[in-house]
C-alpha atoms as a PDB file:
ATOM      1  CA  MET A   1      67.412 246.306 160.022  1.00  0.00           C
ATOM      2  CA  LYS A   2      63.540 245.084 159.449  1.00  0.00           C
ATOM      3  CA  LYS A   3      65.018 243.287 155.850  1.00  0.00           C
ATOM      4  CA  ILE A   4      68.074 241.565 157.923  1.00  0.00           C
ATOM      5  CA  VAL A   5      65.613 240.221 160.645  1.00  0.00           C
ATOM      6  CA  SER A   6      63.096 238.903 158.190  1.00  0.00           C
ATOM      7  CA  VAL A   7      66.303 236.644 156.752  1.00  0.00           C
ATOM      8  CA  VAL A   8      66.755 235.663 160.519  1.00  0.00           C
ATOM      9  CA  MET A   9      63.294 234.816 160.525  1.00  0.00           C
ATOM     10  CA  ALA A  10      62.967 232.854 157.089  1.00  0.00           C
ATOM     11  CA  ALA A  11      65.759 230.409 158.341  1.00  0.00           C
ATOM     12  CA  VAL A  12      63.257 229.744 161.228  1.00  0.00           C
ATOM     13  CA  MET A  13      60.416 228.614 159.590  1.00  0.00           C
ATOM     14  CA  VAL A  14      63.244 226.215 158.057  1.00  0.00           C
ATOM     15  CA  CYS A  15      63.618 224.870 160.869  1.00  0.00           C
ATOM     16  CA  MET A  16      60.445 224.795 162.351  1.00  0.00           C
ATOM     17  CA  SER A  17      59.845 223.050 158.936  1.00  0.00           C
ATOM     18  CA  ALA A  18      62.530 220.491 158.976  1.00  0.00           C
ATOM     19  CA  ALA A  19      61.999 219.836 162.405  1.00  0.00           C
ATOM     20  CA  GLY A  20      58.745 218.384 161.441  1.00  0.00           C
ATOM     21  CA  CYS A  21      56.800 221.057 164.460  1.00  0.00           C
ATOM     22  CA  SER A  22      54.169 223.198 164.258  1.00  0.00           C
ATOM     23  CA  GLY A  23      55.620 225.944 167.108  1.00  0.00           C
ATOM     24  CA  GLN A  24      55.822 222.805 169.259  1.00  0.00           C
ATOM     25  CA  LYS A  25      58.572 222.000 171.262  1.00  0.00           C
ATOM     26  CA  PRO A  26      61.055 218.983 169.643  1.00  0.00           C
ATOM     27  CA  ALA A  27      60.382 215.671 171.812  1.00  0.00           C
ATOM     28  CA  GLU A  28      63.320 214.937 174.645  1.00  0.00           C
ATOM     29  CA  THR A  29      66.362 212.831 173.119  1.00  0.00           C
ATOM     30  CA  GLY A  30      68.283 212.606 176.238  1.00  0.00           C
ATOM     31  CA  SER A  31      70.264 214.416 178.151  1.00  0.00           C
ATOM     32  CA  SER A  32      73.810 214.305 180.211  1.00  0.00           C
ATOM     33  CA  GLN A  33      75.950 216.251 182.859  1.00  0.00           C
ATOM     34  CA  THR A  34      78.960 217.213 182.502  1.00  0.00           C
ATOM     35  CA  ALA A  35      81.332 219.424 184.680  1.00  0.00           C
ATOM     36  CA  ALA A  36      80.331 222.575 182.647  1.00  0.00           C
ATOM     37  CA  GLY A  37      76.405 221.777 183.689  1.00  0.00           C
ATOM     38  CA  SER A  38      73.802 220.150 181.893  1.00  0.00           C
ATOM     39  CA  GLU A  39      74.431 218.582 178.480  1.00  0.00           C
ATOM     40  CA  SER A  40      72.227 217.856 175.714  1.00  0.00           C
ATOM     41  CA  VAL A  41      72.305 216.417 172.011  1.00  0.00           C
ATOM     42  CA  SER A  42      70.314 215.668 169.443  1.00  0.00           C
ATOM     43  CA  PRO A  43      72.111 212.628 167.426  1.00  0.00           C
ATOM     44  CA  GLU A  44      69.933 213.436 164.101  1.00  0.00           C
ATOM     45  CA  GLY A  45      70.434 216.616 163.391  1.00  0.00           C
ATOM     46  CA  MET A  46      67.618 216.931 161.116  1.00  0.00           C
ATOM     47  CA  ALA A  47      66.428 221.102 161.676  1.00  0.00           C
ATOM     48  CA  GLY A  48      70.373 221.425 161.825  1.00  0.00           C
ATOM     49  CA  ALA A  49      70.837 219.887 159.033  1.00  0.00           C
ATOM     50  CA  ALA A  50      68.075 221.367 156.655  1.00  0.00           C
ATOM     51  CA  LEU A  51      68.959 225.106 158.078  1.00  0.00           C
ATOM     52  CA  GLY A  52      71.618 225.479 155.490  1.00  0.00           C
ATOM     53  CA  SER A  53      72.515 221.985 155.264  1.00  0.00           C
ATOM     54  CA  VAL A  54      75.274 222.021 157.975  1.00  0.00           C
ATOM     55  CA  GLU A  55      77.197 218.421 157.491  1.00  0.00           C
ATOM     56  CA  HIS A  56      77.239 216.759 161.126  1.00  0.00           C
ATOM     57  CA  PRO A  57      75.530 219.710 163.579  1.00  0.00           C
ATOM     58  CA  GLU A  58      75.588 216.711 165.991  1.00  0.00           C
ATOM     59  CA  GLU A  59      79.860 217.702 166.093  1.00  0.00           C
ATOM     60  CA  GLN A  60      79.024 221.283 167.402  1.00  0.00           C
ATOM     61  CA  THR A  61      79.000 222.781 170.874  1.00  0.00           C
ATOM     62  CA  TYR A  62      77.107 226.368 171.679  1.00  0.00           C
ATOM     63  CA  LEU A  63      77.788 227.102 175.403  1.00  0.00           C
ATOM     64  CA  TRP A  64      75.873 229.685 177.417  1.00  0.00           C
ATOM     65  CA  CYS A  65      77.201 231.695 180.589  1.00  0.00           C
ATOM     66  CA  SER A  66      75.622 232.910 183.057  1.00  0.00           C
ATOM     67  CA  TYR A  67      75.797 234.734 186.923  1.00  0.00           C
ATOM     68  CA  GLU A  68      73.358 233.469 189.162  1.00  0.00           C
ATOM     69  CA  SER A  69      73.198 230.152 187.410  1.00  0.00           C
ATOM     70  CA  THR A  70      70.202 228.897 189.755  1.00  0.00           C
ATOM     71  CA  ASP A  71      68.497 231.813 189.599  1.00  0.00           C
ATOM     72  CA  ASP A  72      64.847 230.923 187.700  1.00  0.00           C
ATOM     73  CA  PHE A  73      65.637 234.100 185.414  1.00  0.00           C
ATOM     74  CA  MET A  74      68.674 232.009 184.288  1.00  0.00           C
ATOM     75  CA  LEU A  75      67.258 228.827 184.541  1.00  0.00           C
ATOM     76  CA  MET A  76      64.436 229.929 181.737  1.00  0.00           C
ATOM     77  CA  VAL A  77      66.895 231.428 179.339  1.00  0.00           C
ATOM     78  CA  TYR A  78      69.141 227.689 179.373  1.00  0.00           C
ATOM     79  CA  GLU A  79      65.860 226.036 179.020  1.00  0.00           C
ATOM     80  CA  GLY A  80      65.315 227.968 175.894  1.00  0.00           C
ATOM     81  CA  PHE A  81      69.009 227.684 175.251  1.00  0.00           C
ATOM     82  CA  GLU A  82      68.706 224.086 175.142  1.00  0.00           C
ATOM     83  CA  ASP A  83      65.238 223.653 173.261  1.00  0.00           C
ATOM     84  CA  CYS A  84      67.095 225.095 170.565  1.00  0.00           C
ATOM     85  CA  GLY A  85      70.002 222.930 170.039  1.00  0.00           C
ATOM     86  CA  LYS A  86      67.803 220.277 170.040  1.00  0.00           C
ATOM     87  CA  MET A  87      66.213 221.103 167.484  1.00  0.00           C
ATOM     88  CA  LEU A  88      69.479 221.518 165.676  1.00  0.00           C
ATOM     89  CA  GLY A  89      70.815 219.069 166.914  1.00  0.00           C
ATOM     90  CA  VAL A  90      74.194 220.413 168.587  1.00  0.00           C
ATOM     91  CA  LYS A  91      74.992 219.859 171.962  1.00  0.00           C
ATOM     92  CA  THR A  92      75.007 222.857 174.568  1.00  0.00           C
ATOM     93  CA  ALA A  93      75.938 223.610 178.128  1.00  0.00           C
ATOM     94  CA  HIS A  94      75.243 226.166 181.008  1.00  0.00           C
ATOM     95  CA  VAL A  95      78.783 227.524 182.351  1.00  0.00           C
ATOM     96  CA  GLY A  96      77.785 229.299 185.235  1.00  0.00           C
ATOM     97  CA  SER A  97      78.068 230.888 189.080  1.00  0.00           C
ATOM     98  CA  SER A  98      76.048 230.953 191.763  1.00  0.00           C
ATOM     99  CA  GLN A  99      78.615 232.950 193.450  1.00  0.00           C
ATOM    100  CA  ASN A 100      77.457 236.595 194.065  1.00  0.00           C
ATOM    101  CA  ASP A 101      81.034 238.069 192.524  1.00  0.00           C
ATOM    102  CA  LEU A 102      81.786 239.632 189.358  1.00  0.00           C
ATOM    103  CA  THR A 103      85.419 238.355 188.584  1.00  0.00           C
ATOM    104  CA  GLU A 104      84.088 234.702 189.300  1.00  0.00           C
ATOM    105  CA  TYR A 105      81.050 235.566 186.523  1.00  0.00           C
ATOM    106  CA  ILE A 106      84.020 236.598 184.018  1.00  0.00           C
ATOM    107  CA  ASN A 107      85.928 233.400 184.559  1.00  0.00           C
ATOM    108  CA  THR A 108      82.595 231.503 183.347  1.00  0.00           C
ATOM    109  CA  VAL A 109      83.058 233.298 180.203  1.00  0.00           C
ATOM    110  CA  GLU A 110      86.953 232.088 180.278  1.00  0.00           C
ATOM    111  CA  ARG A 111      86.263 229.052 181.033  1.00  0.00           C
ATOM    112  CA  ALA A 112      84.096 228.382 178.213  1.00  0.00           C
ATOM    113  CA  ILE A 113      86.785 229.825 175.723  1.00  0.00           C
ATOM    114  CA  SER A 114      88.829 227.114 177.130  1.00  0.00           C
ATOM    115  CA  MET A 115      86.246 224.551 176.228  1.00  0.00           C
ATOM    116  CA  GLU A 116      86.484 225.262 172.971  1.00  0.00           C
ATOM    117  CA  PRO A 117      83.305 225.935 171.455  1.00  0.00           C
ATOM    118  CA  ASP A 118      81.843 226.927 168.527  1.00  0.00           C
ATOM    119  CA  GLY A 119      79.652 230.108 170.114  1.00  0.00           C
ATOM    120  CA  ILE A 120      78.874 231.314 173.597  1.00  0.00           C
ATOM    121  CA  ALA A 121      76.252 233.278 174.502  1.00  0.00           C
ATOM    122  CA  VAL A 122      76.730 235.822 177.473  1.00  0.00           C
ATOM    123  CA  HIS A 123      74.381 237.037 180.186  1.00  0.00           C
ATOM    124  CA  VAL A 124      76.304 239.959 181.074  1.00  0.00           C
ATOM    125  CA  PHE A 125      76.840 241.193 184.138  1.00  0.00           C
ATOM    126  CA  ASN A 126      78.706 244.565 184.024  1.00  0.00           C
ATOM    127  CA  ALA A 127      79.044 245.974 180.880  1.00  0.00           C
ATOM    128  CA  ASP A 128      82.406 247.499 180.637  1.00  0.00           C
ATOM    129  CA  ALA A 129      83.709 244.367 182.894  1.00  0.00           C
ATOM    130  CA  TYR A 130      82.802 242.254 180.026  1.00  0.00           C
ATOM    131  CA  VAL A 131      84.546 244.130 177.216  1.00  0.00           C
ATOM    132  CA  ASP A 132      87.959 241.900 177.000  1.00  0.00           C
ATOM    133  CA  VAL A 133      86.694 238.714 178.098  1.00  0.00           C
ATOM    134  CA  ILE A 134      84.466 238.967 175.505  1.00  0.00           C
ATOM    135  CA  ASN A 135      87.034 240.173 172.752  1.00  0.00           C
ATOM    136  CA  LYS A 136      89.318 237.503 173.423  1.00  0.00           C
ATOM    137  CA  ALA A 137      86.804 234.829 172.567  1.00  0.00           C
ATOM    138  CA  MET A 138      85.678 236.930 169.091  1.00  0.00           C
ATOM    139  CA  ASP A 139      88.832 237.591 168.620  1.00  0.00           C
ATOM    140  CA  GLY A 140      89.761 233.594 168.868  1.00  0.00           C
ATOM    141  CA  GLY A 141      86.736 232.675 166.211  1.00  0.00           C
ATOM    142  CA  ILE A 142      84.553 232.073 168.370  1.00  0.00           C
ATOM    143  CA  PRO A 143      80.849 234.414 167.430  1.00  0.00           C
ATOM    144  CA  VAL A 144      80.180 235.943 171.132  1.00  0.00           C
ATOM    145  CA  ILE A 145      75.874 237.020 171.596  1.00  0.00           C
ATOM    146  CA  THR A 146      74.731 238.737 174.428  1.00  0.00           C
ATOM    147  CA  THR A 147      71.850 237.689 176.087  1.00  0.00           C
ATOM    148  CA  GLY A 148      69.159 239.877 178.340  1.00  0.00           C
ATOM    149  CA  PRO A 149      72.165 243.246 179.568  1.00  0.00           C
ATOM    150  CA  ASP A 150      74.244 244.024 176.928  1.00  0.00           C
ATOM    151  CA  SER A 151      77.908 244.942 176.508  1.00  0.00           C
ATOM    152  CA  PRO A 152      78.138 247.447 173.253  1.00  0.00           C
ATOM    153  CA  ALA A 153      80.881 248.589 173.368  1.00  0.00           C
ATOM    154  CA  SER A 154      82.241 245.027 172.835  1.00  0.00           C
ATOM    155  CA  LYS A 155      82.628 243.154 169.131  1.00  0.00           C
ATOM    156  CA  ARG A 156      79.747 241.178 170.434  1.00  0.00           C
ATOM    157  CA  ILE A 157      78.261 240.542 167.060  1.00  0.00           C
ATOM    158  CA  CYS A 158      73.933 240.535 168.231  1.00  0.00           C
ATOM    159  CA  ASN A 159      72.230 241.435 171.814  1.00  0.00           C
ATOM    160  CA  VAL A 160      68.831 239.635 172.523  1.00  0.00           C
ATOM    161  CA  GLY A 161      67.035 241.291 174.954  1.00  0.00           C
ATOM    162  CA  VAL A 162      64.460 243.684 175.385  1.00  0.00           C
ATOM    163  CA  GLU A 163      63.819 247.136 174.571  1.00  0.00           C
ATOM    164  CA  ASN A 164      65.415 248.653 177.936  1.00  0.00           C
ATOM    165  CA  TYR A 165      64.289 252.494 177.044  1.00  0.00           C
ATOM    166  CA  GLU A 166      60.183 251.228 176.217  1.00  0.00           C
ATOM    167  CA  ALA A 167      60.528 248.454 179.100  1.00  0.00           C
ATOM    168  CA  GLY A 168      60.796 251.536 181.566  1.00  0.00           C
ATOM    169  CA  ALA A 169      58.670 253.675 179.384  1.00  0.00           C
ATOM    170  CA  PHE A 170      56.133 251.098 180.269  1.00  0.00           C
ATOM    171  CA  GLY A 171      56.691 250.901 183.835  1.00  0.00           C
ATOM    172  CA  ALA A 172      56.473 255.543 184.226  1.00  0.00           C
ATOM    173  CA  GLU A 173      52.877 254.799 182.165  1.00  0.00           C
ATOM    174  CA  ARG A 174      51.902 251.984 185.188  1.00  0.00           C
ATOM    175  CA  LEU A 175      53.308 253.543 188.046  1.00  0.00           C
ATOM    176  CA  GLY A 176      51.702 257.088 186.548  1.00  0.00           C
ATOM    177  CA  GLU A 177      48.127 255.555 186.542  1.00  0.00           C
ATOM    178  CA  ALA A 178      48.861 254.290 190.061  1.00  0.00           C
ATOM    179  CA  LEU A 179      49.592 256.990 191.682  1.00  0.00           C
ATOM    180  CA  ASN A 180      47.126 259.261 189.743  1.00  0.00           C
ATOM    181  CA  GLY A 181      49.162 261.327 187.560  1.00  0.00           C
ATOM    182  CA  THR A 182      51.304 263.335 191.051  1.00  0.00           C
ATOM    183  CA  GLY A 183      54.014 262.120 193.494  1.00  0.00           C
ATOM    184  CA  LYS A 184      57.110 261.401 194.614  1.00  0.00           C
ATOM    185  CA  VAL A 185      59.294 258.102 193.487  1.00  0.00           C
ATOM    186  CA  LEU A 186      62.627 256.688 194.450  1.00  0.00           C
ATOM    187  CA  VAL A 187      64.286 254.764 191.822  1.00  0.00           C
ATOM    188  CA  LEU A 188      66.374 251.820 191.868  1.00  0.00           C
ATOM    189  CA  THR A 189      69.302 251.188 189.917  1.00  0.00           C
ATOM    190  CA  ARG A 190      72.983 249.459 189.382  1.00  0.00           C
ATOM    191  CA  ALA A 191      75.659 251.625 188.036  1.00  0.00           C
ATOM    192  CA  GLY A 192      77.485 249.750 184.506  1.00  0.00           C
ATOM    193  CA  GLN A 193      74.321 247.941 184.121  1.00  0.00           C
ATOM    194  CA  ASN A 194      73.197 248.948 180.529  1.00  0.00           C
ATOM    195  CA  ASN A 195      69.933 247.392 180.916  1.00  0.00           C
ATOM    196  CA  SER A 196      69.400 249.127 183.962  1.00  0.00           C
ATOM    197  CA  GLU A 197      70.905 252.523 183.433  1.00  0.00           C
ATOM    198  CA  LEU A 198      68.131 252.062 179.689  1.00  0.00           C
ATOM    199  CA  ARG A 199      65.219 251.460 181.760  1.00  0.00           C
ATOM    200  CA  VAL A 200      65.904 254.238 184.086  1.00  0.00           C
ATOM    201  CA  GLN A 201      66.031 256.847 181.146  1.00  0.00           C
ATOM    202  CA  GLY A 202      63.034 255.596 179.331  1.00  0.00           C
ATOM    203  CA  PHE A 203      61.690 255.595 182.717  1.00  0.00           C
ATOM    204  CA  LYS A 204      62.557 259.218 183.789  1.00  0.00           C
ATOM    205  CA  GLU A 205      61.935 260.995 180.169  1.00  0.00           C
ATOM    206  CA  THR A 206      58.131 259.258 179.900  1.00  0.00           C
ATOM    207  CA  LEU A 207      57.235 260.392 183.699  1.00  0.00           C
ATOM    208  CA  ALA A 208      58.362 263.542 182.748  1.00  0.00           C
ATOM    209  CA  GLU A 209      56.762 263.891 179.623  1.00  0.00           C
ATOM    210  CA  LYS A 210      53.416 262.594 180.526  1.00  0.00           C
ATOM    211  CA  TYR A 211      53.185 262.790 184.509  1.00  0.00           C
ATOM    212  CA  PRO A 212      55.187 265.922 185.259  1.00  0.00           C
ATOM    213  CA  ASP A 213      53.682 266.442 188.656  1.00  0.00           C
ATOM    214  CA  ILE A 214      54.901 262.944 188.925  1.00  0.00           C
ATOM    215  CA  GLU A 215      58.805 263.680 190.428  1.00  0.00           C
ATOM    216  CA  VAL A 216      61.754 261.925 190.818  1.00  0.00           C
ATOM    217  CA  ILE A 217      63.406 262.733 194.169  1.00  0.00           C
ATOM    218  CA  SER A 218      66.704 260.424 194.337  1.00  0.00           C
ATOM    219  CA  GLU A 219      68.274 257.393 192.023  1.00  0.00           C
ATOM    220  CA  VAL A 220      70.120 255.222 194.199  1.00  0.00           C
ATOM    221  CA  SER A 221      73.113 252.455 192.553  1.00  0.00           C
ATOM    222  CA  VAL A 222      72.772 249.225 194.620  1.00  0.00           C
ATOM    223  CA  THR A 223      74.316 246.075 194.740  1.00  0.00           C
ATOM    224  CA  ALA A 224      72.829 242.200 193.463  1.00  0.00           C
ATOM    225  CA  GLU A 225      72.707 241.525 197.392  1.00  0.00           C
ATOM    226  CA  ILE A 226      68.954 242.366 199.156  1.00  0.00           C
ATOM    227  CA  ALA A 227      70.151 243.458 202.227  1.00  0.00           C
ATOM    228  CA  ASP A 228      72.507 246.378 200.694  1.00  0.00           C
ATOM    229  CA  GLN A 229      69.230 247.595 198.435  1.00  0.00           C
ATOM    230  CA  ALA A 230      67.143 246.916 201.651  1.00  0.00           C
ATOM    231  CA  SER A 231      69.088 249.461 203.904  1.00  0.00           C
ATOM    232  CA  LYS A 232      69.645 251.937 201.098  1.00  0.00           C
ATOM    233  CA  THR A 233      65.482 251.841 200.454  1.00  0.00           C
ATOM    234  CA  ALA A 234      65.360 252.170 204.151  1.00  0.00           C
ATOM    235  CA  ALA A 235      67.962 255.588 203.911  1.00  0.00           C
ATOM    236  CA  ALA A 236      66.802 257.281 200.782  1.00  0.00           C
ATOM    237  CA  LEU A 237      62.900 256.215 202.580  1.00  0.00           C
ATOM    238  CA  THR A 238      63.990 258.146 206.214  1.00  0.00           C
ATOM    239  CA  ALA A 239      65.534 260.801 203.802  1.00  0.00           C
ATOM    240  CA  ASN A 240      62.842 261.694 202.073  1.00  0.00           C
ATOM    241  CA  PRO A 241      59.974 260.527 203.749  1.00  0.00           C
ATOM    242  CA  ASP A 242      57.120 262.093 201.155  1.00  0.00           C
ATOM    243  CA  VAL A 243      57.951 259.068 198.883  1.00  0.00           C
ATOM    244  CA  ASP A 244      55.292 257.698 197.055  1.00  0.00           C
ATOM    245  CA  ALA A 245      56.583 254.586 195.197  1.00  0.00           C
ATOM    246  CA  VAL A 246      59.643 252.978 194.438  1.00  0.00           C
ATOM    247  CA  PHE A 247      60.770 252.051 190.922  1.00  0.00           C
ATOM    248  CA  CYS A 248      62.963 248.903 190.698  1.00  0.00           C
ATOM    249  CA  SER A 249      65.012 248.789 187.085  1.00  0.00           C
ATOM    250  CA  LEU A 250      66.248 245.194 188.127  1.00  0.00           C
ATOM    251  CA  GLY A 251      64.854 241.860 189.296  1.00  0.00           C
ATOM    252  CA  ILE A 252      65.298 241.603 192.903  1.00  0.00           C
ATOM    253  CA  GLN A 253      65.128 244.838 193.651  1.00  0.00           C
ATOM    254  CA  ALA A 254      61.749 245.214 194.450  1.00  0.00           C
ATOM    255  CA  VAL A 255      62.431 242.680 197.374  1.00  0.00           C
ATOM    256  CA  GLY A 256      64.896 244.685 198.317  1.00  0.00           C
ATOM    257  CA  ALA A 257      62.718 248.037 198.045  1.00  0.00           C
ATOM    258  CA  SER A 258      59.730 245.864 199.865  1.00  0.00           C
ATOM    259  CA  GLN A 259      61.874 245.258 202.829  1.00  0.00           C
ATOM    260  CA  GLY A 260      63.088 248.400 202.877  1.00  0.00           C
ATOM    261  CA  CYS A 261      59.334 249.712 203.191  1.00  0.00           C
ATOM    262  CA  ASP A 262      58.831 247.193 206.150  1.00  0.00           C
ATOM    263  CA  GLN A 263      61.851 248.752 208.102  1.00  0.00           C
ATOM    264  CA  VAL A 264      60.537 251.985 208.088  1.00  0.00           C
ATOM    265  CA  GLY A 265      56.990 251.613 208.477  1.00  0.00           C
ATOM    266  CA  ARG A 266      56.003 252.453 205.175  1.00  0.00           C
ATOM    267  CA  SER A 267      53.269 250.160 203.984  1.00  0.00           C
ATOM    268  CA  ASP A 268      51.967 252.568 202.171  1.00  0.00           C
ATOM    269  CA  ILE A 269      54.583 252.748 199.836  1.00  0.00           C
ATOM    270  CA  VAL A 270      53.654 252.127 195.798  1.00  0.00           C
ATOM    271  CA  VAL A 271      56.964 249.415 194.495  1.00  0.00           C
ATOM    272  CA  PHE A 272      56.787 248.280 191.128  1.00  0.00           C
ATOM    273  CA  GLY A 273      59.399 245.684 189.663  1.00  0.00           C
ATOM    274  CA  PHE A 274      61.653 243.485 187.426  1.00  0.00           C
ATOM    275  CA  ASP A 275      61.159 239.999 185.859  1.00  0.00           C
ATOM    276  CA  ARG A 276      59.632 236.990 187.678  1.00  0.00           C
ATOM    277  CA  ASN A 277      62.245 236.533 191.106  1.00  0.00           C
ATOM    278  CA  PRO A 278      59.850 234.012 192.489  1.00  0.00           C
ATOM    279  CA  ALA A 279      60.026 235.731 196.132  1.00  0.00           C
ATOM    280  CA  GLN A 280      58.963 239.091 194.463  1.00  0.00           C
ATOM    281  CA  LEU A 281      56.405 237.057 192.558  1.00  0.00           C
ATOM    282  CA  GLU A 282      54.820 236.233 196.398  1.00  0.00           C
ATOM    283  CA  LEU A 283      55.204 240.061 196.702  1.00  0.00           C
ATOM    284  CA  VAL A 284      52.798 240.689 193.716  1.00  0.00           C
ATOM    285  CA  LYS A 285      50.317 237.840 195.041  1.00  0.00           C
ATOM    286  CA  GLN A 286      50.409 239.316 198.932  1.00  0.00           C
ATOM    287  CA  GLY A 287      49.693 243.470 196.949  1.00  0.00           C
ATOM    288  CA  LYS A 288      52.974 244.666 198.121  1.00  0.00           C
ATOM    289  CA  VAL A 289      54.743 244.645 194.932  1.00  0.00           C
ATOM    290  CA  MET A 290      51.581 246.687 192.806  1.00  0.00           C
ATOM    291  CA  GLY A 291      53.549 244.422 189.156  1.00  0.00           C
ATOM    292  CA  SER A 292      56.430 243.483 187.091  1.00  0.00           C
ATOM    293  CA  ILE A 293      57.657 243.708 183.879  1.00  0.00           C
ATOM    294  CA  ALA A 294      58.917 239.736 182.997  1.00  0.00           C
ATOM    295  CA  GLN A 295      61.422 239.268 180.450  1.00  0.00           C
ATOM    296  CA  GLY A 296      61.188 236.953 177.114  1.00  0.00           C
ATOM    297  CA  CYS A 297      63.671 234.468 178.790  1.00  0.00           C
ATOM    298  CA  TYR A 298      63.370 232.156 177.445  1.00  0.00           C
ATOM    299  CA  ASN A 299      63.116 233.855 173.728  1.00  0.00           C
ATOM    300  CA  MET A 300      66.521 235.257 174.907  1.00  0.00           C
ATOM    301  CA  GLY A 301      67.877 232.204 175.050  1.00  0.00           C
ATOM    302  CA  TRP A 302      66.463 230.204 171.995  1.00  0.00           C
ATOM    303  CA  TRP A 303      67.344 233.303 169.975  1.00  0.00           C
ATOM    304  CA  ALA A 304      70.931 233.695 170.971  1.00  0.00           C
ATOM    305  CA  CYS A 305      71.608 230.027 170.474  1.00  0.00           C
ATOM    306  CA  LEU A 306      69.833 229.787 167.008  1.00  0.00           C
ATOM    307  CA  GLY A 307      72.277 232.852 166.539  1.00  0.00           C
ATOM    308  CA  LEU A 308      75.441 231.327 167.346  1.00  0.00           C
ATOM    309  CA  TYR A 309      74.233 228.628 164.988  1.00  0.00           C
ATOM    310  CA  ILE A 310      73.773 230.722 161.981  1.00  0.00           C
ATOM    311  CA  GLU A 311      77.164 232.867 162.780  1.00  0.00           C
ATOM    312  CA  HIS A 312      79.105 230.181 163.221  1.00  0.00           C
ATOM    313  CA  ASN A 313      78.133 227.930 159.741  1.00  0.00           C
ATOM    314  CA  ASN A 314      78.409 231.779 157.658  1.00  0.00           C
ATOM    315  CA  LEU A 315      74.025 230.843 156.723  1.00  0.00           C
ATOM    316  CA  LEU A 316      73.845 234.227 155.837  1.00  0.00           C
ATOM    317  CA  GLY A 317      76.451 234.893 154.018  1.00  0.00           C
ATOM    318  CA  ASP A 318      78.011 238.385 153.340  1.00  0.00           C
ATOM    319  CA  ARG A 319      74.572 239.583 154.953  1.00  0.00           C
ATOM    320  CA  ASN A 320      74.787 241.487 157.955  1.00  0.00           C
ATOM    321  CA  PHE A 321      72.946 240.383 161.478  1.00  0.00           C
ATOM    322  CA  PRO A 322      71.247 242.040 162.889  1.00  0.00           C
ATOM    323  CA  THR A 323      72.581 243.660 166.584  1.00  0.00           C
ATOM    324  CA  PHE A 324      69.391 243.597 168.216  1.00  0.00           C
ATOM    325  CA  ILE A 325      66.412 240.771 168.461  1.00  0.00           C
ATOM    326  CA  SER A 326      63.880 240.945 170.539  1.00  0.00           C
ATOM    327  CA  ALA A 327      63.120 238.566 173.389  1.00  0.00           C
ATOM    328  CA  GLY A 328      59.723 240.347 174.201  1.00  0.00           C
ATOM    329  CA  VAL A 329      58.321 241.046 177.933  1.00  0.00           C
ATOM    330  CA  SER A 330      55.347 240.992 179.605  1.00  0.00           C
ATOM    331  CA  TYR A 331      53.296 242.467 182.363  1.00  0.00           C
ATOM    332  CA  ILE A 332      52.121 240.793 185.641  1.00  0.00           C
ATOM    333  CA  ASP A 333      50.081 241.732 188.818  1.00  0.00           C
ATOM    334  CA  GLN A 334      47.919 239.705 190.419  1.00  0.00           C
ATOM    335  CA  SER A 335      46.100 239.009 187.713  1.00  0.00           C
ATOM    336  CA  ASN A 336      47.979 236.303 186.553  1.00  0.00           C
ATOM    337  CA  VAL A 337      50.603 236.069 189.026  1.00  0.00           C
ATOM    338  CA  ASP A 338      49.312 232.353 190.340  1.00  0.00           C
ATOM    339  CA  LYS A 339      50.328 230.557 187.008  1.00  0.00           C
ATOM    340  CA  GLU A 340      53.439 232.306 186.817  1.00  0.00           C
ATOM    341  CA  ILE A 341      54.332 230.922 190.407  1.00  0.00           C
ATOM    342  CA  GLU A 342      53.440 227.561 189.414  1.00  0.00           C
ATOM    343  CA  GLU A 343      55.396 227.318 186.448  1.00  0.00           C
ATOM    344  CA  SER A 344      58.492 228.837 188.359  1.00  0.00           C
ATOM    345  CA  ASN A 345      57.721 226.051 191.211  1.00  0.00           C
ATOM    346  CA  ALA A 346      57.915 223.637 187.925  1.00  0.00           C
ATOM    347  CA  ARG A 347      61.266 225.139 186.786  1.00  0.00           C
ATOM    348  CA  ILE A 348      63.564 225.013 190.064  1.00  0.00           C
ATOM    349  CA  ALA A 349      61.649 221.485 190.974  1.00  0.00           C
ATOM    350  CA  GLY A 350      63.294 220.138 187.744  1.00  0.00           C
ATOM    351  CA  ALA A 351      66.445 221.964 188.201  1.00  0.00           C
ATOM    352  CA  LYS A 352      67.488 220.337 191.381  1.00  0.00           C
END
């Protein structure tokens, strides 16, 4: 695995050298709007041409499909996808939906396939539900890379995400310290979402190993709706009044969990979250959420675009493509949340 990943890393270095930069974002080259979303292209295509001597990279198009397309998390992922596309000199577009509906999320991938792009990156909402549409693209000759949540049973060539088990383990260590090694925890998860399940596994197994006096007394599967998260958290706390903390395995859940705590008058509950949703960042600032593990959203998009380009242009030849690329994580608490809020506000304002 290390050898394979190093091949991709070497390709990146060629890209960066050809683009004439050292870790800096390439200069803007203009953008336009399409029905699919925001499209950008660097007509020079210097980096794209140098990377494997690809001819006319400006004629290639790569799409990123998301759900909750106006969410700050998604804006960060596409920023990375778009920036990499500019460096390579290819077209990119974001095909998304702001509707909270699984069928509509699947339809975004169907729409992307109908546009006959050179590659599609997909932010997966439900691992099993995406298998057929991802396989449809792959069987049709369109390479697919998943970002964030994965669909491991599909034919996708790679997942660019985080080490979810390890991230859950890190959360267990932070929460274990906050509880002084003893207490009872409620866990919020989402059935069918691969990353949530792995994080919960890492969290529970690490608690059992390092903090045996901390007990997970209930696991509650919630939807993406804050109201559902809040009501189920409140119900679980009412049924288990001795709960000391809530571990949230996905982005917005810490907001719903905090509201559920408020509904039952439990200001003493320690809430631990994932990701950097703006409302959640405000709760970290207020001290209502102790901290959050933030995924490398920009890295997800950047590596996904580069991976699709490498795969489409067969730049690895007969070498195997890595099945996983880590986007990394960071930890947000009151020591650095102000900077995160400032950057989030700037992204959202720029997207309007």
